[in-house]
Amino acid sequence: MSSAQKQVWEGAIPLQIHLHESEVTTLPPPPPALVFFSRHTLPISVLAPRIGYLPLLISLVKPHFSTTLPPGLDTVWFDYKGLPLKWFIPTGVLFDLLCVEPERPWNLTVITF
């Protein structure tokens, strides 16, 4: 595998995931989840693979917010600046399309219903 192929394959985006303000059931609100997809499990930090999909991160993000989520809500949705993000579009494509001025980490919001 060439160096360019390896960089494309291993490309990732740092995420900072916030719980939507309407979902918070505790004071103070929970800190954002910093997501780094790696073998090290630090306080939930995630580098989301550019060729991956947001639903694959739910199992990492949901436990972080579990103590502050309303009971009985299991479905998680991601949004960026109020725009719901399509689950079937790779994370890297969403980032490239929506971030005219690339921000690091990419700030997403989690909504449950």
PDB file of N, CA and C in Angstrom:
ATOM      1  N   MET A   1       0.849  -1.175   0.000  1.00  0.00           N
ATOM      2  CA  MET A   1       0.000   0.000   0.000  1.00  0.00           C
ATOM      3  C   MET A   1       0.894   1.237   0.000  1.00  0.00           C
ATOM      4  N   SER A   2       0.606   2.176  -0.898  1.00  0.00           N
ATOM      5  CA  SER A   2       1.415   3.386  -0.985  1.00  0.00           C
ATOM      6  C   SER A   2       1.116   4.312   0.191  1.00  0.00           C
ATOM      7  N   SER A   3       1.981   5.291   0.384  1.00  0.00           N
ATOM      8  CA  SER A   3       1.812   6.244   1.478  1.00  0.00           C
ATOM      9  C   SER A   3       0.505   7.030   1.321  1.00  0.00           C
ATOM     10  N   ALA A   4       0.180   7.422   0.098  1.00  0.00           N
ATOM     11  CA  ALA A   4      -1.057   8.172  -0.146  1.00  0.00           C
ATOM     12  C   ALA A   4      -2.281   7.308   0.161  1.00  0.00           C
ATOM     13  N   GLN A   5      -2.252   6.054  -0.261  1.00  0.00           N
ATOM     14  CA  GLN A   5      -3.369   5.152   0.027  1.00  0.00           C
ATOM     15  C   GLN A   5      -3.529   4.953   1.526  1.00  0.00           C
ATOM     16  N   LYS A   6      -2.428   4.829   2.226  1.00  0.00           N
ATOM     17  CA  LYS A   6      -2.472   4.635   3.669  1.00  0.00           C
ATOM     18  C   LYS A   6      -3.074   5.862   4.359  1.00  0.00           C
ATOM     19  N   GLN A   7      -2.686   7.064   3.930  1.00  0.00           N
ATOM     20  CA  GLN A   7      -3.231   8.286   4.533  1.00  0.00           C
ATOM     21  C   GLN A   7      -4.730   8.407   4.281  1.00  0.00           C
ATOM     22  N   VAL A   8      -5.181   8.041   3.089  1.00  0.00           N
ATOM     23  CA  VAL A   8      -6.617   8.087   2.791  1.00  0.00           C
ATOM     24  C   VAL A   8      -7.347   7.059   3.639  1.00  0.00           C
ATOM     25  N   TRP A   9      -6.813   5.875   3.732  1.00  0.00           N
ATOM     26  CA  TRP A   9      -7.469   4.793   4.472  1.00  0.00           C
ATOM     27  C   TRP A   9      -7.551   5.108   5.961  1.00  0.00           C
ATOM     28  N   GLU A  10      -6.491   5.730   6.517  1.00  0.00           N
ATOM     29  CA  GLU A  10      -6.432   6.001   7.941  1.00  0.00           C
ATOM     30  C   GLU A  10      -6.871   7.419   8.317  1.00  0.00           C
ATOM     31  N   GLY A  11      -7.387   8.195   7.356  1.00  0.00           N
ATOM     32  CA  GLY A  11      -7.821   9.564   7.637  1.00  0.00           C
ATOM     33  C   GLY A  11      -8.927   9.599   8.677  1.00  0.00           C
ATOM     34  N   ALA A  12      -8.886  10.596   9.550  1.00  0.00           N
ATOM     35  CA  ALA A  12      -9.874  10.690  10.623  1.00  0.00           C
ATOM     36  C   ALA A  12     -10.157  12.154  10.954  1.00  0.00           C
ATOM     37  N   ILE A  13     -11.306  12.375  11.601  1.00  0.00           N
ATOM     38  CA  ILE A  13     -11.740  13.709  11.982  1.00  0.00           C
ATOM     39  C   ILE A  13     -11.974  13.720  13.495  1.00  0.00           C
ATOM     40  N   PRO A  14     -11.340  14.656  14.219  1.00  0.00           N
ATOM     41  CA  PRO A  14     -11.621  14.745  15.653  1.00  0.00           C
ATOM     42  C   PRO A  14     -13.021  15.313  15.874  1.00  0.00           C
ATOM     43  N   LEU A  15     -13.780  14.706  16.769  1.00  0.00           N
ATOM     44  CA  LEU A  15     -15.140  15.145  17.049  1.00  0.00           C
ATOM     45  C   LEU A  15     -15.264  15.595  18.497  1.00  0.00           C
ATOM     46  N   GLN A  16     -16.092  16.591  18.698  1.00  0.00           N
ATOM     47  CA  GLN A  16     -16.515  16.975  20.033  1.00  0.00           C
ATOM     48  C   GLN A  16     -18.035  16.915  20.001  1.00  0.00           C
ATOM     49  N   ILE A  17     -18.605  16.038  20.803  1.00  0.00           N
ATOM     50  CA  ILE A  17     -20.042  15.785  20.732  1.00  0.00           C
ATOM     51  C   ILE A  17     -20.715  16.302  21.994  1.00  0.00           C
ATOM     52  N   HIS A  18     -21.697  17.165  21.790  1.00  0.00           N
ATOM     53  CA  HIS A  18     -22.453  17.773  22.879  1.00  0.00           C
ATOM     54  C   HIS A  18     -23.838  17.148  22.933  1.00  0.00           C
ATOM     55  N   LEU A  19     -24.391  17.073  24.119  1.00  0.00           N
ATOM     56  CA  LEU A  19     -25.775  16.653  24.289  1.00  0.00           C
ATOM     57  C   LEU A  19     -26.644  17.887  24.076  1.00  0.00           C
ATOM     58  N   HIS A  20     -27.687  17.758  23.255  1.00  0.00           N
ATOM     59  CA  HIS A  20     -28.574  18.885  22.974  1.00  0.00           C
ATOM     60  C   HIS A  20     -29.149  19.409  24.287  1.00  0.00           C
ATOM     61  N   GLU A  21     -29.262  20.727  24.393  1.00  0.00           N
ATOM     62  CA  GLU A  21     -29.713  21.333  25.657  1.00  0.00           C
ATOM     63  C   GLU A  21     -31.084  20.846  26.113  1.00  0.00           C
ATOM     64  N   SER A  22     -31.942  20.450  25.175  1.00  0.00           N
ATOM     65  CA  SER A  22     -33.267  19.959  25.556  1.00  0.00           C
ATOM     66  C   SER A  22     -33.218  18.545  26.147  1.00  0.00           C
ATOM     67  N   GLU A  23     -32.082  17.873  26.007  1.00  0.00           N
ATOM     68  CA  GLU A  23     -31.932  16.505  26.490  1.00  0.00           C
ATOM     69  C   GLU A  23     -31.338  16.429  27.897  1.00  0.00           C
ATOM     70  N   VAL A  24     -30.793  17.528  28.377  1.00  0.00           N
ATOM     71  CA  VAL A  24     -30.100  17.523  29.658  1.00  0.00           C
ATOM     72  C   VAL A  24     -31.102  17.424  30.806  1.00  0.00           C
ATOM     73  N   THR A  25     -30.891  16.462  31.682  1.00  0.00           N
ATOM     74  CA  THR A  25     -31.792  16.268  32.831  1.00  0.00           C
ATOM     75  C   THR A  25     -31.084  16.491  34.161  1.00  0.00           C
ATOM     76  N   THR A  26     -29.829  16.948  34.121  1.00  0.00           N
ATOM     77  CA  THR A  26     -29.077  17.175  35.354  1.00  0.00           C
ATOM     78  C   THR A  26     -28.406  18.543  35.310  1.00  0.00           C
ATOM     79  N   LEU A  27     -28.085  19.052  36.479  1.00  0.00           N
ATOM     80  CA  LEU A  27     -27.302  20.279  36.572  1.00  0.00           C
ATOM     81  C   LEU A  27     -26.022  19.939  37.306  1.00  0.00           C
ATOM     82  N   PRO A  28     -24.891  20.363  36.872  1.00  0.00           N
ATOM     83  CA  PRO A  28     -24.649  21.041  35.608  1.00  0.00           C
ATOM     84  C   PRO A  28     -24.756  20.072  34.432  1.00  0.00           C
ATOM     85  N   PRO A  29     -24.881  20.602  33.212  1.00  0.00           N
ATOM     86  CA  PRO A  29     -24.950  19.713  32.051  1.00  0.00           C
ATOM     87  C   PRO A  29     -23.661  18.912  31.904  1.00  0.00           C
ATOM     88  N   PRO A  30     -23.741  17.767  31.260  1.00  0.00           N
ATOM     89  CA  PRO A  30     -22.535  16.936  31.108  1.00  0.00           C
ATOM     90  C   PRO A  30     -21.522  17.610  30.193  1.00  0.00           C
ATOM     91  N   PRO A  31     -20.254  17.324  30.416  1.00  0.00           N
ATOM     92  CA  PRO A  31     -19.246  17.866  29.499  1.00  0.00           C
ATOM     93  C   PRO A  31     -19.388  17.201  28.140  1.00  0.00           C
ATOM     94  N   PRO A  32     -18.903  17.861  27.087  1.00  0.00           N
ATOM     95  CA  PRO A  32     -18.982  17.226  25.770  1.00  0.00           C
ATOM     96  C   PRO A  32     -18.121  15.972  25.726  1.00  0.00           C
ATOM     97  N   ALA A  33     -18.492  15.085  24.830  1.00  0.00           N
ATOM     98  CA  ALA A  33     -17.692  13.882  24.605  1.00  0.00           C
ATOM     99  C   ALA A  33     -16.668  14.218  23.542  1.00  0.00           C
ATOM    100  N   LEU A  34     -15.416  14.102  23.868  1.00  0.00           N
ATOM    101  CA  LEU A  34     -14.367  14.269  22.869  1.00  0.00           C
ATOM    102  C   LEU A  34     -14.097  12.891  22.320  1.00  0.00           C
ATOM    103  N   VAL A  35     -14.305  12.717  21.041  1.00  0.00           N
ATOM    104  CA  VAL A  35     -14.286  11.378  20.479  1.00  0.00           C
ATOM    105  C   VAL A  35     -13.031  11.157  19.662  1.00  0.00           C
ATOM    106  N   PHE A  36     -12.218  10.215  20.085  1.00  0.00           N
ATOM    107  CA  PHE A  36     -11.054   9.785  19.324  1.00  0.00           C
ATOM    108  C   PHE A  36     -11.169   8.293  19.171  1.00  0.00           C
ATOM    109  N   PHE A  37     -11.346   7.840  17.970  1.00  0.00           N
ATOM    110  CA  PHE A  37     -11.515   6.418  17.713  1.00  0.00           C
ATOM    111  C   PHE A  37     -10.135   5.793  17.693  1.00  0.00           C
ATOM    112  N   SER A  38      -9.760   5.218  18.817  1.00  0.00           N
ATOM    113  CA  SER A  38      -8.426   4.624  18.911  1.00  0.00           C
ATOM    114  C   SER A  38      -8.484   3.435  19.847  1.00  0.00           C
ATOM    115  N   ARG A  39      -7.374   2.783  19.979  1.00  0.00           N
ATOM    116  CA  ARG A  39      -7.331   1.619  20.861  1.00  0.00           C
ATOM    117  C   ARG A  39      -7.251   2.051  22.322  1.00  0.00           C
ATOM    118  N   HIS A  40      -6.874   3.306  22.568  1.00  0.00           N
ATOM    119  CA  HIS A  40      -6.807   3.813  23.938  1.00  0.00           C
ATOM    120  C   HIS A  40      -8.175   4.352  24.303  1.00  0.00           C
ATOM    121  N   THR A  41      -8.658   3.995  25.428  1.00  0.00           N
ATOM    122  CA  THR A  41      -9.949   4.511  25.851  1.00  0.00           C
ATOM    123  C   THR A  41      -9.711   5.574  26.907  1.00  0.00           C
ATOM    124  N   LEU A  42      -9.541   6.791  26.436  1.00  0.00           N
ATOM    125  CA  LEU A  42      -9.435   7.937  27.325  1.00  0.00           C
ATOM    126  C   LEU A  42     -10.858   8.420  27.540  1.00  0.00           C
ATOM    127  N   PRO A  43     -11.064   9.460  28.344  1.00  0.00           N
ATOM    128  CA  PRO A  43     -12.451   9.833  28.668  1.00  0.00           C
ATOM    129  C   PRO A  43     -13.392   9.899  27.489  1.00  0.00           C
ATOM    130  N   ILE A  44     -13.575   9.504  26.623  1.00  0.00           N
ATOM    131  CA  ILE A  44     -14.283   9.365  25.375  1.00  0.00           C
ATOM    132  C   ILE A  44     -13.861  10.437  24.400  1.00  0.00           C
ATOM    133  N   SER A  45     -12.790  10.182  23.778  1.00  0.00           N
ATOM    134  CA  SER A  45     -12.281  11.037  22.753  1.00  0.00           C
ATOM    135  C   SER A  45     -12.347  10.252  21.449  1.00  0.00           C
ATOM    136  N   VAL A  46     -12.784  10.912  20.371  1.00  0.00           N
ATOM    137  CA  VAL A  46     -12.965  10.149  19.135  1.00  0.00           C
ATOM    138  C   VAL A  46     -12.354  10.842  17.933  1.00  0.00           C
ATOM    139  N   LEU A  47     -11.557  10.110  17.227  1.00  0.00           N
ATOM    140  CA  LEU A  47     -11.162  10.484  15.879  1.00  0.00           C
ATOM    141  C   LEU A  47     -12.037   9.610  14.994  1.00  0.00           C
ATOM    142  N   ALA A  48     -13.039  10.190  14.412  1.00  0.00           N
ATOM    143  CA  ALA A  48     -13.977   9.424  13.592  1.00  0.00           C
ATOM    144  C   ALA A  48     -13.344   9.137  12.234  1.00  0.00           C
ATOM    145  N   PRO A  49     -13.320   7.896  11.823  1.00  0.00           N
ATOM    146  CA  PRO A  49     -12.754   7.570  10.508  1.00  0.00           C
ATOM    147  C   PRO A  49     -13.513   8.301   9.400  1.00  0.00           C
ATOM    148  N   ARG A  50     -12.770   8.893   8.470  1.00  0.00           N
ATOM    149  CA  ARG A  50     -13.406   9.611   7.354  1.00  0.00           C
ATOM    150  C   ARG A  50     -14.250   8.669   6.503  1.00  0.00           C
ATOM    151  N   ILE A  51     -13.868   7.418   6.445  1.00  0.00           N
ATOM    152  CA  ILE A  51     -14.629   6.468   5.630  1.00  0.00           C
ATOM    153  C   ILE A  51     -15.644   5.693   6.471  1.00  0.00           C
ATOM    154  N   GLY A  52     -15.829   6.120   7.721  1.00  0.00           N
ATOM    155  CA  GLY A  52     -16.795   5.479   8.607  1.00  0.00           C
ATOM    156  C   GLY A  52     -18.128   6.222   8.599  1.00  0.00           C
ATOM    157  N   TYR A  53     -19.028   5.770   9.447  1.00  0.00           N
ATOM    158  CA  TYR A  53     -20.373   6.335   9.518  1.00  0.00           C
ATOM    159  C   TYR A  53     -20.697   6.692  10.963  1.00  0.00           C
ATOM    160  N   LEU A  54     -21.449   7.773  11.152  1.00  0.00           N
ATOM    161  CA  LEU A  54     -21.783   8.245  12.494  1.00  0.00           C
ATOM    162  C   LEU A  54     -22.485   7.197  13.365  1.00  0.00           C
ATOM    163  N   PRO A  55     -23.412   6.390  12.825  1.00  0.00           N
ATOM    164  CA  PRO A  55     -24.064   5.406  13.698  1.00  0.00           C
ATOM    165  C   PRO A  55     -23.088   4.439  14.378  1.00  0.00           C
ATOM    166  N   LEU A  56     -21.923   4.254  13.796  1.00  0.00           N
ATOM    167  CA  LEU A  56     -20.943   3.363  14.406  1.00  0.00           C
ATOM    168  C   LEU A  56     -20.338   3.958  15.680  1.00  0.00           C
ATOM    169  N   LEU A  57     -20.551   5.259  15.908  1.00  0.00           N
ATOM    170  CA  LEU A  57     -20.024   5.914  17.098  1.00  0.00           C
ATOM    171  C   LEU A  57     -21.001   5.908  18.262  1.00  0.00           C
ATOM    172  N   ILE A  58     -22.239   5.518  18.010  1.00  0.00           N
ATOM    173  CA  ILE A  58     -23.267   5.579  19.051  1.00  0.00           C
ATOM    174  C   ILE A  58     -22.875   4.763  20.273  1.00  0.00           C
ATOM    175  N   SER A  59     -22.301   3.597  20.066  1.00  0.00           N
ATOM    176  CA  SER A  59     -21.932   2.751  21.211  1.00  0.00           C
ATOM    177  C   SER A  59     -20.833   3.388  22.058  1.00  0.00           C
ATOM    178  N   LEU A  60     -20.075   4.324  21.504  1.00  0.00           N
ATOM    179  CA  LEU A  60     -19.054   5.029  22.273  1.00  0.00           C
ATOM    180  C   LEU A  60     -19.623   6.263  22.964  1.00  0.00           C
ATOM    181  N   VAL A  61     -20.558   6.932  22.300  1.00  0.00           N
ATOM    182  CA  VAL A  61     -21.073   8.208  22.788  1.00  0.00           C
ATOM    183  C   VAL A  61     -22.190   8.030  23.812  1.00  0.00           C
ATOM    184  N   LYS A  62     -23.074   7.091  23.579  1.00  0.00           N
ATOM    185  CA  LYS A  62     -24.254   6.924  24.422  1.00  0.00           C
ATOM    186  C   LYS A  62     -23.901   6.683  25.899  1.00  0.00           C
ATOM    187  N   PRO A  63     -22.948   5.821  26.215  1.00  0.00           N
ATOM    188  CA  PRO A  63     -22.607   5.622  27.628  1.00  0.00           C
ATOM    189  C   PRO A  63     -22.103   6.899  28.307  1.00  0.00           C
ATOM    190  N   HIS A  64     -21.445   7.765  27.548  1.00  0.00           N
ATOM    191  CA  HIS A  64     -20.927   9.008  28.112  1.00  0.00           C
ATOM    192  C   HIS A  64     -22.061   9.892  28.640  1.00  0.00           C
ATOM    193  N   PHE A  65     -23.195   9.911  27.936  1.00  0.00           N
ATOM    194  CA  PHE A  65     -24.317  10.758  28.312  1.00  0.00           C
ATOM    195  C   PHE A  65     -25.426   9.996  29.039  1.00  0.00           C
ATOM    196  N   SER A  66     -25.245   8.725  29.299  1.00  0.00           N
ATOM    197  CA  SER A  66     -26.334   7.885  29.817  1.00  0.00           C
ATOM    198  C   SER A  66     -26.924   8.381  31.136  1.00  0.00           C
ATOM    199  N   THR A  67     -26.126   8.978  31.993  1.00  0.00           N
ATOM    200  CA  THR A  67     -26.645   9.420  33.288  1.00  0.00           C
ATOM    201  C   THR A  67     -27.465  10.699  33.182  1.00  0.00           C
ATOM    202  N   THR A  68     -27.383  11.399  32.069  1.00  0.00           N
ATOM    203  CA  THR A  68     -28.110  12.662  31.937  1.00  0.00           C
ATOM    204  C   THR A  68     -29.215  12.608  30.894  1.00  0.00           C
ATOM    205  N   LEU A  69     -29.379  11.476  30.228  1.00  0.00           N
ATOM    206  CA  LEU A  69     -30.432  11.349  29.223  1.00  0.00           C
ATOM    207  C   LEU A  69     -31.776  11.070  29.878  1.00  0.00           C
ATOM    208  N   PRO A  70     -32.859  11.557  29.267  1.00  0.00           N
ATOM    209  CA  PRO A  70     -34.184  11.202  29.788  1.00  0.00           C
ATOM    210  C   PRO A  70     -34.371   9.686  29.695  1.00  0.00           C
ATOM    211  N   PRO A  71     -35.065   9.076  30.674  1.00  0.00           N
ATOM    212  CA  PRO A  71     -35.244   7.622  30.643  1.00  0.00           C
ATOM    213  C   PRO A  71     -36.116   7.177  29.473  1.00  0.00           C
ATOM    214  N   GLY A  72     -35.789   6.008  28.930  1.00  0.00           N
ATOM    215  CA  GLY A  72     -36.603   5.396  27.889  1.00  0.00           C
ATOM    216  C   GLY A  72     -36.338   5.873  26.479  1.00  0.00           C
ATOM    217  N   LEU A  73     -35.385   6.762  26.288  1.00  0.00           N
ATOM    218  CA  LEU A  73     -35.081   7.236  24.943  1.00  0.00           C
ATOM    219  C   LEU A  73     -33.844   6.517  24.430  1.00  0.00           C
ATOM    220  N   ASP A  74     -34.003   5.786  23.335  1.00  0.00           N
ATOM    221  CA  ASP A  74     -32.896   4.982  22.826  1.00  0.00           C
ATOM    222  C   ASP A  74     -32.354   5.426  21.475  1.00  0.00           C
ATOM    223  N   THR A  75     -33.151   6.110  20.685  1.00  0.00           N
ATOM    224  CA  THR A  75     -32.716   6.482  19.346  1.00  0.00           C
ATOM    225  C   THR A  75     -31.877   7.754  19.416  1.00  0.00           C
ATOM    226  N   VAL A  76     -30.701   7.698  18.812  1.00  0.00           N
ATOM    227  CA  VAL A  76     -29.767   8.821  18.833  1.00  0.00           C
ATOM    228  C   VAL A  76     -29.650   9.388  17.426  1.00  0.00           C
ATOM    229  N   TRP A  77     -29.601  10.714  17.354  1.00  0.00           N
ATOM    230  CA  TRP A  77     -29.429  11.398  16.076  1.00  0.00           C
ATOM    231  C   TRP A  77     -28.344  12.443  16.241  1.00  0.00           C
ATOM    232  N   PHE A  78     -27.520  12.623  15.229  1.00  0.00           N
ATOM    233  CA  PHE A  78     -26.471  13.640  15.241  1.00  0.00           C
ATOM    234  C   PHE A  78     -26.910  14.829  14.398  1.00  0.00           C
ATOM    235  N   ASP A  79     -26.540  16.030  14.850  1.00  0.00           N
ATOM    236  CA  ASP A  79     -26.775  17.189  13.992  1.00  0.00           C
ATOM    237  C   ASP A  79     -25.587  18.140  14.088  1.00  0.00           C
ATOM    238  N   TYR A  80     -25.496  19.006  13.086  1.00  0.00           N
ATOM    239  CA  TYR A  80     -24.444  20.011  13.021  1.00  0.00           C
ATOM    240  C   TYR A  80     -25.105  21.359  12.766  1.00  0.00           C
ATOM    241  N   LYS A  81     -25.013  22.253  13.722  1.00  0.00           N
ATOM    242  CA  LYS A  81     -25.617  23.585  13.636  1.00  0.00           C
ATOM    243  C   LYS A  81     -27.096  23.507  13.284  1.00  0.00           C
ATOM    244  N   GLY A  82     -27.806  22.572  13.897  1.00  0.00           N
ATOM    245  CA  GLY A  82     -29.244  22.426  13.692  1.00  0.00           C
ATOM    246  C   GLY A  82     -29.639  21.592  12.487  1.00  0.00           C
ATOM    247  N   LEU A  83     -28.681  21.135  11.708  1.00  0.00           N
ATOM    248  CA  LEU A  83     -28.961  20.326  10.522  1.00  0.00           C
ATOM    249  C   LEU A  83     -28.774  18.848  10.851  1.00  0.00           C
ATOM    250  N   PRO A  84     -29.843  18.039  10.775  1.00  0.00           N
ATOM    251  CA  PRO A  84     -29.680  16.598  11.014  1.00  0.00           C
ATOM    252  C   PRO A  84     -28.732  15.987   9.984  1.00  0.00           C
ATOM    253  N   LEU A  85     -27.856  15.123  10.455  1.00  0.00           N
ATOM    254  CA  LEU A  85     -26.861  14.509   9.568  1.00  0.00           C
ATOM    255  C   LEU A  85     -27.342  13.142   9.089  1.00  0.00           C
ATOM    256  N   LYS A  86     -27.218  12.912   7.804  1.00  0.00           N
ATOM    257  CA  LYS A  86     -27.624  11.640   7.196  1.00  0.00           C
ATOM    258  C   LYS A  86     -26.675  10.537   7.648  1.00  0.00           C
ATOM    259  N   TRP A  87     -27.252   9.434   8.062  1.00  0.00           N
ATOM    260  CA  TRP A  87     -26.450   8.331   8.572  1.00  0.00           C
ATOM    261  C   TRP A  87     -25.752   7.533   7.487  1.00  0.00           C
ATOM    262  N   PHE A  88     -26.257   7.585   6.263  1.00  0.00           N
ATOM    263  CA  PHE A  88     -25.708   6.751   5.191  1.00  0.00           C
ATOM    264  C   PHE A  88     -24.602   7.455   4.405  1.00  0.00           C
ATOM    265  N   ILE A  89     -24.251   8.663   4.788  1.00  0.00           N
ATOM    266  CA  ILE A  89     -23.166   9.398   4.129  1.00  0.00           C
ATOM    267  C   ILE A  89     -21.932   9.295   5.022  1.00  0.00           C
ATOM    268  N   PRO A  90     -20.787   8.911   4.457  1.00  0.00           N
ATOM    269  CA  PRO A  90     -19.567   8.773   5.273  1.00  0.00           C
ATOM    270  C   PRO A  90     -19.225  10.074   6.014  1.00  0.00           C
ATOM    271  N   THR A  91     -18.648   9.926   7.183  1.00  0.00           N
ATOM    272  CA  THR A  91     -18.314  11.056   8.038  1.00  0.00           C
ATOM    273  C   THR A  91     -17.440  12.074   7.322  1.00  0.00           C
ATOM    274  N   GLY A  92     -16.461  11.628   6.578  1.00  0.00           N
ATOM    275  CA  GLY A  92     -15.570  12.537   5.866  1.00  0.00           C
ATOM    276  C   GLY A  92     -16.303  13.366   4.827  1.00  0.00           C
ATOM    277  N   VAL A  93     -17.260  12.770   4.142  1.00  0.00           N
ATOM    278  CA  VAL A  93     -18.037  13.503   3.133  1.00  0.00           C
ATOM    279  C   VAL A  93     -18.900  14.561   3.816  1.00  0.00           C
ATOM    280  N   LEU A  94     -19.555  14.185   4.922  1.00  0.00           N
ATOM    281  CA  LEU A  94     -20.360  15.165   5.665  1.00  0.00           C
ATOM    282  C   LEU A  94     -19.501  16.347   6.105  1.00  0.00           C
ATOM    283  N   PHE A  95     -18.342  16.048   6.649  1.00  0.00           N
ATOM    284  CA  PHE A  95     -17.437  17.092   7.118  1.00  0.00           C
ATOM    285  C   PHE A  95     -17.026  18.015   5.970  1.00  0.00           C
ATOM    286  N   ASP A  96     -16.639  17.440   4.847  1.00  0.00           N
ATOM    287  CA  ASP A  96     -16.191  18.240   3.704  1.00  0.00           C
ATOM    288  C   ASP A  96     -17.314  19.102   3.135  1.00  0.00           C
ATOM    289  N   LEU A  97     -18.531  18.580   3.120  1.00  0.00           N
ATOM    290  CA  LEU A  97     -19.658  19.324   2.572  1.00  0.00           C
ATOM    291  C   LEU A  97     -20.148  20.444   3.496  1.00  0.00           C
ATOM    292  N   LEU A  98     -20.108  20.203   4.803  1.00  0.00           N
ATOM    293  CA  LEU A  98     -20.736  21.129   5.736  1.00  0.00           C
ATOM    294  C   LEU A  98     -19.784  22.129   6.386  1.00  0.00           C
ATOM    295  N   CYS A  99     -18.522  21.836   6.428  1.00  0.00           N
ATOM    296  CA  CYS A  99     -17.562  22.732   7.087  1.00  0.00           C
ATOM    297  C   CYS A  99     -16.784  23.534   6.053  1.00  0.00           C
ATOM    298  N   VAL A 100     -17.339  24.688   5.698  1.00  0.00           N
ATOM    299  CA  VAL A 100     -16.654  25.559   4.737  1.00  0.00           C
ATOM    300  C   VAL A 100     -15.325  26.006   5.330  1.00  0.00           C
ATOM    301  N   GLU A 101     -15.366  26.418   6.578  1.00  0.00           N
ATOM    302  CA  GLU A 101     -14.157  26.738   7.338  1.00  0.00           C
ATOM    303  C   GLU A 101     -13.913  25.559   8.270  1.00  0.00           C
ATOM    304  N   PRO A 102     -13.071  24.608   7.891  1.00  0.00           N
ATOM    305  CA  PRO A 102     -12.897  23.412   8.725  1.00  0.00           C
ATOM    306  C   PRO A 102     -12.574  23.758  10.177  1.00  0.00           C
ATOM    307  N   GLU A 103     -13.349  23.190  11.072  1.00  0.00           N
ATOM    308  CA  GLU A 103     -13.120  23.392  12.493  1.00  0.00           C
ATOM    309  C   GLU A 103     -12.597  22.103  13.096  1.00  0.00           C
ATOM    310  N   ARG A 104     -11.699  22.240  14.037  1.00  0.00           N
ATOM    311  CA  ARG A 104     -11.155  21.094  14.733  1.00  0.00           C
ATOM    312  C   ARG A 104     -11.271  21.342  16.217  1.00  0.00           C
ATOM    313  N   PRO A 105     -11.856  20.511  17.005  1.00  0.00           N
ATOM    314  CA  PRO A 105     -12.638  19.359  16.571  1.00  0.00           C
ATOM    315  C   PRO A 105     -13.973  19.793  15.963  1.00  0.00           C
ATOM    316  N   TRP A 106     -14.569  18.895  15.214  1.00  0.00           N
ATOM    317  CA  TRP A 106     -15.863  19.155  14.606  1.00  0.00           C
ATOM    318  C   TRP A 106     -16.924  19.005  15.697  1.00  0.00           C
ATOM    319  N   ASN A 107     -17.678  20.068  15.942  1.00  0.00           N
ATOM    320  CA  ASN A 107     -18.656  20.099  17.023  1.00  0.00           C
ATOM    321  C   ASN A 107     -20.000  19.595  16.534  1.00  0.00           C
ATOM    322  N   LEU A 108     -20.428  18.445  17.035  1.00  0.00           N
ATOM    323  CA  LEU A 108     -21.723  17.870  16.700  1.00  0.00           C
ATOM    324  C   LEU A 108     -22.600  17.826  17.947  1.00  0.00           C
ATOM    325  N   THR A 109     -23.896  17.720  17.724  1.00  0.00           N
ATOM    326  CA  THR A 109     -24.845  17.634  18.815  1.00  0.00           C
ATOM    327  C   THR A 109     -25.574  16.305  18.712  1.00  0.00           C
ATOM    328  N   VAL A 110     -25.841  15.693  19.875  1.00  0.00           N
ATOM    329  CA  VAL A 110     -26.602  14.446  19.934  1.00  0.00           C
ATOM    330  C   VAL A 110     -27.997  14.780  20.437  1.00  0.00           C
ATOM    331  N   ILE A 111     -28.984  14.240  19.740  1.00  0.00           N
ATOM    332  CA  ILE A 111     -30.377  14.369  20.124  1.00  0.00           C
ATOM    333  C   ILE A 111     -30.943  12.966  20.249  1.00  0.00           C
ATOM    334  N   THR A 112     -31.756  12.725  21.261  1.00  0.00           N
ATOM    335  CA  THR A 112     -32.398  11.417  21.413  1.00  0.00           C
ATOM    336  C   THR A 112     -33.898  11.568  21.265  1.00  0.00           C
ATOM    337  N   PHE A 113     -34.530  10.480  20.871  1.00  0.00           N
ATOM    338  CA  PHE A 113     -35.993  10.450  20.819  1.00  0.00           C
ATOM    339  C   PHE A 113     -36.464   9.029  20.866  1.00  0.00           C
TER     340      PHE A 113
END
